N, C-alpha and C. Protein backbone atom coordinates (compact mmCIF):
# COMPACT_ATOMS: atom_id res chain seq x y z
N GLN A 1 -27.83 -115.57 -59.74
CA GLN A 1 -28.88 -116.58 -59.82
C GLN A 1 -28.28 -117.89 -60.30
N VAL A 2 -28.82 -118.98 -59.77
CA VAL A 2 -28.33 -120.30 -60.11
C VAL A 2 -28.90 -120.73 -61.47
N GLN A 3 -28.06 -121.30 -62.30
CA GLN A 3 -28.52 -121.88 -63.57
C GLN A 3 -28.74 -123.37 -63.37
N LEU A 4 -29.90 -123.85 -63.80
CA LEU A 4 -30.27 -125.26 -63.60
C LEU A 4 -30.61 -125.90 -64.94
N VAL A 5 -30.10 -127.11 -65.15
CA VAL A 5 -30.36 -127.84 -66.39
C VAL A 5 -30.79 -129.26 -66.04
N GLU A 6 -32.04 -129.59 -66.41
CA GLU A 6 -32.56 -130.93 -66.15
C GLU A 6 -32.29 -131.87 -67.32
N SER A 7 -32.26 -133.15 -67.01
CA SER A 7 -32.16 -134.18 -68.04
C SER A 7 -32.77 -135.46 -67.50
N GLY A 8 -33.05 -136.39 -68.41
CA GLY A 8 -33.50 -137.71 -68.00
C GLY A 8 -34.97 -138.01 -68.22
N GLY A 9 -35.73 -137.05 -68.70
CA GLY A 9 -37.13 -137.32 -68.97
C GLY A 9 -37.31 -138.24 -70.16
N GLY A 10 -38.56 -138.64 -70.40
CA GLY A 10 -38.84 -139.50 -71.55
C GLY A 10 -40.17 -140.18 -71.43
N LEU A 11 -40.35 -141.18 -72.28
CA LEU A 11 -41.59 -141.97 -72.33
C LEU A 11 -41.32 -143.32 -71.69
N VAL A 12 -42.19 -143.73 -70.78
CA VAL A 12 -42.03 -145.01 -70.10
C VAL A 12 -43.40 -145.62 -69.88
N GLN A 13 -43.45 -146.94 -69.82
CA GLN A 13 -44.71 -147.61 -69.54
C GLN A 13 -45.01 -147.58 -68.04
N ALA A 14 -46.28 -147.68 -67.73
CA ALA A 14 -46.69 -147.72 -66.33
C ALA A 14 -45.95 -148.86 -65.61
N GLY A 15 -45.49 -148.55 -64.41
CA GLY A 15 -44.70 -149.52 -63.64
C GLY A 15 -43.21 -149.39 -63.84
N GLY A 16 -42.81 -148.60 -64.83
CA GLY A 16 -41.40 -148.44 -65.12
C GLY A 16 -40.74 -147.39 -64.25
N SER A 17 -39.47 -147.11 -64.58
CA SER A 17 -38.67 -146.18 -63.78
C SER A 17 -37.96 -145.18 -64.68
N LEU A 18 -37.70 -144.01 -64.13
CA LEU A 18 -36.87 -142.99 -64.76
C LEU A 18 -36.07 -142.30 -63.67
N ARG A 19 -34.92 -141.77 -64.06
CA ARG A 19 -34.12 -140.98 -63.14
C ARG A 19 -33.85 -139.62 -63.76
N LEU A 20 -34.32 -138.59 -63.09
CA LEU A 20 -34.08 -137.23 -63.53
C LEU A 20 -32.83 -136.68 -62.85
N SER A 21 -32.09 -135.87 -63.59
CA SER A 21 -30.92 -135.20 -63.04
C SER A 21 -31.06 -133.69 -63.25
N CYS A 22 -30.46 -132.93 -62.36
CA CYS A 22 -30.47 -131.48 -62.47
C CYS A 22 -29.08 -130.97 -62.09
N ALA A 23 -28.40 -130.40 -63.05
CA ALA A 23 -27.06 -129.85 -62.83
C ALA A 23 -27.17 -128.36 -62.54
N ALA A 24 -26.49 -127.93 -61.47
CA ALA A 24 -26.55 -126.54 -61.06
C ALA A 24 -25.21 -125.85 -61.24
N SER A 25 -25.28 -124.57 -61.54
CA SER A 25 -24.05 -123.77 -61.66
C SER A 25 -23.67 -123.19 -60.30
N GLY A 26 -22.44 -122.67 -60.22
CA GLY A 26 -22.04 -121.94 -59.04
C GLY A 26 -21.28 -122.78 -58.03
N ARG A 27 -20.71 -122.08 -57.05
CA ARG A 27 -19.86 -122.72 -56.05
C ARG A 27 -20.52 -122.86 -54.69
N THR A 28 -21.80 -122.50 -54.60
CA THR A 28 -22.48 -122.56 -53.31
C THR A 28 -23.59 -123.59 -53.27
N PHE A 29 -23.58 -124.54 -54.19
CA PHE A 29 -24.67 -125.51 -54.32
C PHE A 29 -24.95 -126.21 -53.01
N GLY A 30 -23.96 -126.57 -52.27
CA GLY A 30 -24.13 -127.32 -51.04
C GLY A 30 -24.69 -126.52 -49.88
N ARG A 31 -25.09 -125.27 -50.10
CA ARG A 31 -25.55 -124.41 -49.00
C ARG A 31 -27.05 -124.16 -49.01
N TYR A 32 -27.77 -124.65 -50.01
CA TYR A 32 -29.19 -124.30 -50.08
C TYR A 32 -30.07 -125.48 -50.49
N ALA A 33 -31.38 -125.28 -50.29
CA ALA A 33 -32.36 -126.32 -50.58
C ALA A 33 -32.65 -126.43 -52.07
N MET A 34 -33.04 -127.63 -52.46
CA MET A 34 -33.43 -127.92 -53.83
C MET A 34 -34.76 -128.67 -53.83
N ALA A 35 -35.44 -128.63 -54.95
CA ALA A 35 -36.72 -129.34 -55.05
C ALA A 35 -37.02 -129.70 -56.49
N TRP A 36 -37.93 -130.65 -56.62
CA TRP A 36 -38.51 -130.99 -57.92
C TRP A 36 -40.00 -130.65 -57.87
N PHE A 37 -40.46 -129.97 -58.91
CA PHE A 37 -41.87 -129.67 -59.09
C PHE A 37 -42.32 -130.35 -60.39
N ARG A 38 -43.62 -130.44 -60.57
CA ARG A 38 -44.15 -130.90 -61.83
C ARG A 38 -45.42 -130.14 -62.17
N GLN A 39 -45.67 -130.08 -63.47
CA GLN A 39 -46.86 -129.40 -63.95
C GLN A 39 -47.49 -130.23 -65.06
N ALA A 40 -48.65 -130.77 -64.77
CA ALA A 40 -49.41 -131.51 -65.77
C ALA A 40 -50.22 -130.53 -66.61
N SER A 41 -50.61 -130.97 -67.78
CA SER A 41 -51.35 -130.11 -68.69
C SER A 41 -52.64 -129.63 -68.04
N GLY A 42 -52.83 -128.32 -68.03
CA GLY A 42 -54.04 -127.74 -67.47
C GLY A 42 -54.08 -127.64 -65.96
N LYS A 43 -52.99 -127.98 -65.31
CA LYS A 43 -52.94 -127.95 -63.85
C LYS A 43 -51.85 -127.01 -63.35
N GLU A 44 -51.92 -126.67 -62.07
CA GLU A 44 -50.91 -125.81 -61.47
C GLU A 44 -49.64 -126.62 -61.17
N ARG A 45 -48.55 -125.89 -61.11
CA ARG A 45 -47.28 -126.52 -60.76
C ARG A 45 -47.31 -126.90 -59.28
N GLU A 46 -46.88 -128.13 -59.00
CA GLU A 46 -46.92 -128.62 -57.63
C GLU A 46 -45.57 -129.23 -57.24
N ILE A 47 -45.28 -129.16 -55.97
CA ILE A 47 -44.04 -129.75 -55.51
C ILE A 47 -44.15 -131.27 -55.50
N VAL A 48 -43.07 -131.93 -55.87
CA VAL A 48 -42.99 -133.39 -55.84
C VAL A 48 -42.13 -133.83 -54.66
N ALA A 49 -40.96 -133.19 -54.55
CA ALA A 49 -40.02 -133.56 -53.48
C ALA A 49 -39.05 -132.42 -53.25
N GLY A 50 -38.55 -132.33 -52.02
CA GLY A 50 -37.56 -131.32 -51.67
C GLY A 50 -36.46 -131.93 -50.83
N ILE A 51 -35.30 -131.28 -50.84
CA ILE A 51 -34.16 -131.81 -50.09
C ILE A 51 -33.36 -130.65 -49.49
N SER A 52 -32.90 -130.84 -48.28
CA SER A 52 -32.15 -129.80 -47.58
C SER A 52 -30.73 -129.70 -48.12
N TRP A 53 -30.01 -128.69 -47.67
CA TRP A 53 -28.67 -128.40 -48.16
C TRP A 53 -27.72 -129.58 -48.03
N SER A 54 -27.85 -130.36 -46.97
CA SER A 54 -26.95 -131.48 -46.73
C SER A 54 -27.50 -132.80 -47.26
N GLY A 55 -28.76 -132.81 -47.61
CA GLY A 55 -29.41 -134.06 -47.99
C GLY A 55 -30.01 -134.80 -46.81
N GLY A 56 -29.84 -134.26 -45.62
CA GLY A 56 -30.29 -134.94 -44.42
C GLY A 56 -31.79 -134.84 -44.17
N SER A 57 -32.44 -133.94 -44.83
CA SER A 57 -33.88 -133.75 -44.66
C SER A 57 -34.55 -133.73 -46.02
N THR A 58 -35.61 -134.52 -46.16
CA THR A 58 -36.33 -134.58 -47.42
C THR A 58 -37.83 -134.44 -47.18
N TYR A 59 -38.51 -134.05 -48.25
CA TYR A 59 -39.97 -133.93 -48.21
C TYR A 59 -40.53 -134.57 -49.48
N TYR A 60 -41.67 -135.26 -49.36
CA TYR A 60 -42.32 -135.85 -50.52
C TYR A 60 -43.81 -135.53 -50.50
N GLU A 61 -44.32 -135.21 -51.66
CA GLU A 61 -45.76 -135.07 -51.82
C GLU A 61 -46.38 -136.44 -51.63
N ALA A 62 -47.57 -136.48 -51.07
CA ALA A 62 -48.17 -137.74 -50.63
C ALA A 62 -48.28 -138.78 -51.74
N SER A 63 -48.61 -138.35 -52.95
CA SER A 63 -48.86 -139.31 -54.02
C SER A 63 -47.60 -140.00 -54.53
N VAL A 64 -46.42 -139.46 -54.20
CA VAL A 64 -45.17 -140.06 -54.69
C VAL A 64 -44.38 -140.72 -53.59
N LYS A 65 -44.81 -140.56 -52.35
CA LYS A 65 -44.08 -141.12 -51.22
C LYS A 65 -43.98 -142.63 -51.36
N GLY A 66 -42.77 -143.16 -51.20
CA GLY A 66 -42.55 -144.59 -51.34
C GLY A 66 -42.22 -145.02 -52.75
N ARG A 67 -42.42 -144.14 -53.73
CA ARG A 67 -42.11 -144.45 -55.13
C ARG A 67 -40.96 -143.60 -55.66
N PHE A 68 -40.88 -142.35 -55.22
CA PHE A 68 -39.84 -141.43 -55.69
C PHE A 68 -38.81 -141.21 -54.58
N THR A 69 -37.57 -140.96 -55.00
CA THR A 69 -36.50 -140.65 -54.06
C THR A 69 -35.70 -139.46 -54.59
N ILE A 70 -35.59 -138.42 -53.76
CA ILE A 70 -34.76 -137.27 -54.11
C ILE A 70 -33.41 -137.42 -53.41
N SER A 71 -32.35 -137.06 -54.11
CA SER A 71 -31.01 -137.11 -53.52
C SER A 71 -30.16 -136.02 -54.16
N ARG A 72 -29.01 -135.78 -53.56
CA ARG A 72 -28.12 -134.75 -54.11
C ARG A 72 -26.67 -135.17 -53.94
N ASP A 73 -25.86 -134.69 -54.86
CA ASP A 73 -24.42 -134.90 -54.83
C ASP A 73 -23.78 -133.52 -54.83
N ASN A 74 -23.44 -133.03 -53.66
CA ASN A 74 -22.93 -131.66 -53.56
C ASN A 74 -21.55 -131.50 -54.20
N ALA A 75 -20.79 -132.56 -54.25
CA ALA A 75 -19.48 -132.47 -54.88
C ALA A 75 -19.58 -132.23 -56.38
N ASN A 76 -20.71 -132.66 -56.96
CA ASN A 76 -20.91 -132.52 -58.41
C ASN A 76 -22.07 -131.60 -58.77
N ASN A 77 -22.55 -130.83 -57.80
CA ASN A 77 -23.61 -129.84 -58.06
C ASN A 77 -24.82 -130.44 -58.77
N THR A 78 -25.26 -131.59 -58.30
CA THR A 78 -26.35 -132.27 -58.99
C THR A 78 -27.40 -132.78 -57.98
N VAL A 79 -28.65 -132.65 -58.38
CA VAL A 79 -29.75 -133.24 -57.61
C VAL A 79 -30.48 -134.22 -58.52
N TYR A 80 -30.96 -135.30 -57.91
CA TYR A 80 -31.60 -136.37 -58.67
C TYR A 80 -33.02 -136.62 -58.18
N LEU A 81 -33.81 -137.19 -59.06
CA LEU A 81 -35.12 -137.69 -58.68
C LEU A 81 -35.27 -139.07 -59.31
N GLN A 82 -35.19 -140.10 -58.47
CA GLN A 82 -35.42 -141.46 -58.92
C GLN A 82 -36.90 -141.75 -58.82
N MET A 83 -37.51 -142.12 -59.94
CA MET A 83 -38.95 -142.35 -59.98
C MET A 83 -39.20 -143.81 -60.35
N ASN A 84 -39.79 -144.54 -59.43
CA ASN A 84 -40.13 -145.94 -59.63
C ASN A 84 -41.64 -146.13 -59.62
N SER A 85 -42.07 -147.27 -60.11
CA SER A 85 -43.50 -147.61 -60.14
C SER A 85 -44.32 -146.46 -60.72
N LEU A 86 -43.90 -145.96 -61.84
CA LEU A 86 -44.55 -144.80 -62.43
C LEU A 86 -45.97 -145.11 -62.87
N LYS A 87 -46.81 -144.10 -62.74
CA LYS A 87 -48.23 -144.21 -63.08
C LYS A 87 -48.56 -143.17 -64.16
N PRO A 88 -49.60 -143.41 -64.93
CA PRO A 88 -50.00 -142.41 -65.95
C PRO A 88 -50.22 -141.02 -65.34
N GLU A 89 -50.71 -140.96 -64.12
CA GLU A 89 -50.95 -139.66 -63.49
C GLU A 89 -49.67 -138.94 -63.10
N ASP A 90 -48.52 -139.58 -63.24
CA ASP A 90 -47.23 -138.89 -63.05
C ASP A 90 -46.79 -138.11 -64.29
N THR A 91 -47.53 -138.27 -65.38
CA THR A 91 -47.20 -137.55 -66.60
C THR A 91 -47.26 -136.04 -66.39
N ALA A 92 -46.16 -135.37 -66.70
CA ALA A 92 -46.06 -133.93 -66.49
C ALA A 92 -44.71 -133.43 -66.99
N VAL A 93 -44.57 -132.12 -67.02
CA VAL A 93 -43.24 -131.53 -67.16
C VAL A 93 -42.66 -131.38 -65.76
N TYR A 94 -41.46 -131.89 -65.58
CA TYR A 94 -40.80 -131.85 -64.27
C TYR A 94 -39.74 -130.75 -64.28
N TYR A 95 -39.77 -129.94 -63.22
CA TYR A 95 -38.85 -128.81 -63.09
C TYR A 95 -38.00 -128.96 -61.84
N CYS A 96 -36.75 -128.64 -61.99
CA CYS A 96 -35.82 -128.53 -60.87
C CYS A 96 -35.85 -127.08 -60.39
N ALA A 97 -35.77 -126.88 -59.06
CA ALA A 97 -35.83 -125.53 -58.51
C ALA A 97 -34.85 -125.39 -57.35
N ALA A 98 -34.32 -124.19 -57.20
CA ALA A 98 -33.39 -123.88 -56.12
C ALA A 98 -33.91 -122.72 -55.28
N ASP A 99 -33.78 -122.86 -53.97
CA ASP A 99 -34.08 -121.77 -53.05
C ASP A 99 -32.77 -121.36 -52.39
N SER A 100 -32.08 -120.44 -53.04
CA SER A 100 -30.74 -120.08 -52.58
C SER A 100 -30.74 -119.30 -51.28
N GLN A 101 -31.93 -118.97 -50.76
CA GLN A 101 -32.03 -118.21 -49.51
C GLN A 101 -32.32 -119.11 -48.31
N SER A 102 -32.45 -120.40 -48.52
CA SER A 102 -32.84 -121.28 -47.43
C SER A 102 -32.10 -122.61 -47.49
N ARG A 103 -31.82 -123.15 -46.33
CA ARG A 103 -31.18 -124.47 -46.27
C ARG A 103 -32.18 -125.61 -46.31
N TYR A 104 -33.45 -125.30 -46.04
CA TYR A 104 -34.47 -126.35 -45.98
C TYR A 104 -35.57 -126.07 -46.99
N PRO A 105 -36.12 -127.13 -47.63
CA PRO A 105 -37.07 -126.91 -48.72
C PRO A 105 -38.43 -126.43 -48.25
N SER A 106 -38.97 -125.50 -48.99
CA SER A 106 -40.33 -125.03 -48.78
C SER A 106 -41.26 -125.78 -49.72
N ARG A 107 -42.52 -125.89 -49.33
CA ARG A 107 -43.52 -126.51 -50.21
C ARG A 107 -44.06 -125.51 -51.22
N SER A 108 -43.80 -124.23 -51.02
CA SER A 108 -44.35 -123.18 -51.88
C SER A 108 -43.39 -122.85 -53.01
N ARG A 109 -43.92 -122.88 -54.23
CA ARG A 109 -43.06 -122.56 -55.38
C ARG A 109 -42.60 -121.11 -55.35
N ARG A 110 -43.28 -120.25 -54.61
CA ARG A 110 -42.91 -118.83 -54.57
C ARG A 110 -41.58 -118.61 -53.85
N GLU A 111 -41.14 -119.59 -53.07
CA GLU A 111 -39.89 -119.46 -52.33
C GLU A 111 -38.67 -119.76 -53.19
N TYR A 112 -38.88 -120.34 -54.35
CA TYR A 112 -37.76 -120.78 -55.19
C TYR A 112 -37.43 -119.70 -56.20
N ASN A 113 -36.15 -119.34 -56.27
CA ASN A 113 -35.75 -118.21 -57.10
C ASN A 113 -34.99 -118.61 -58.36
N SER A 114 -34.78 -119.90 -58.55
CA SER A 114 -34.15 -120.36 -59.79
C SER A 114 -34.86 -121.63 -60.26
N TRP A 115 -35.07 -121.70 -61.58
CA TRP A 115 -35.81 -122.83 -62.16
C TRP A 115 -35.09 -123.33 -63.41
N GLY A 116 -35.19 -124.63 -63.62
CA GLY A 116 -34.71 -125.20 -64.86
C GLY A 116 -35.76 -125.03 -65.95
N GLN A 117 -35.41 -125.51 -67.13
CA GLN A 117 -36.29 -125.35 -68.29
C GLN A 117 -37.38 -126.41 -68.34
N GLY A 118 -37.24 -127.45 -67.56
CA GLY A 118 -38.24 -128.51 -67.51
C GLY A 118 -37.89 -129.68 -68.42
N THR A 119 -38.34 -130.85 -68.01
CA THR A 119 -38.16 -132.06 -68.82
C THR A 119 -39.45 -132.85 -68.79
N GLN A 120 -39.88 -133.32 -69.94
CA GLN A 120 -41.16 -134.01 -70.07
C GLN A 120 -41.03 -135.46 -69.61
N VAL A 121 -41.96 -135.88 -68.78
CA VAL A 121 -42.10 -137.28 -68.38
C VAL A 121 -43.49 -137.73 -68.81
N THR A 122 -43.54 -138.78 -69.62
CA THR A 122 -44.81 -139.31 -70.09
C THR A 122 -44.88 -140.78 -69.72
N VAL A 123 -45.95 -141.15 -69.01
CA VAL A 123 -46.14 -142.53 -68.58
C VAL A 123 -47.37 -143.09 -69.30
N SER A 124 -47.15 -144.11 -70.10
CA SER A 124 -48.26 -144.69 -70.85
C SER A 124 -48.87 -145.85 -70.07
N SER A 125 -50.17 -146.03 -70.28
CA SER A 125 -50.88 -147.10 -69.55
C SER A 125 -50.85 -148.40 -70.32
């Protein structure tokens, strides 16, 4: 199983930016899909963005499209989430996830078999 460690969360004012990072263990990072999910208090965990094994294909949830960018650096086993124009409704715990059985990201959290511990993002109004 892949070990994932997120970093980069914090408190930011509305309109600001944050960049999340997720470092993965293992030598096969460049062969499978990755994604970022988030879970707000009292809500279900939802996908934010996904990226294919090569980075050539990405997916964004509608509310973040045009504001967030997912990318990956396969040489350094890292996936990123650049978040711009942040809104209070983006406040949540953000999780990095790996689907080591697929090259392309699924929208369903059930397809992901490795998860990070989560990092808190709080956007103040």
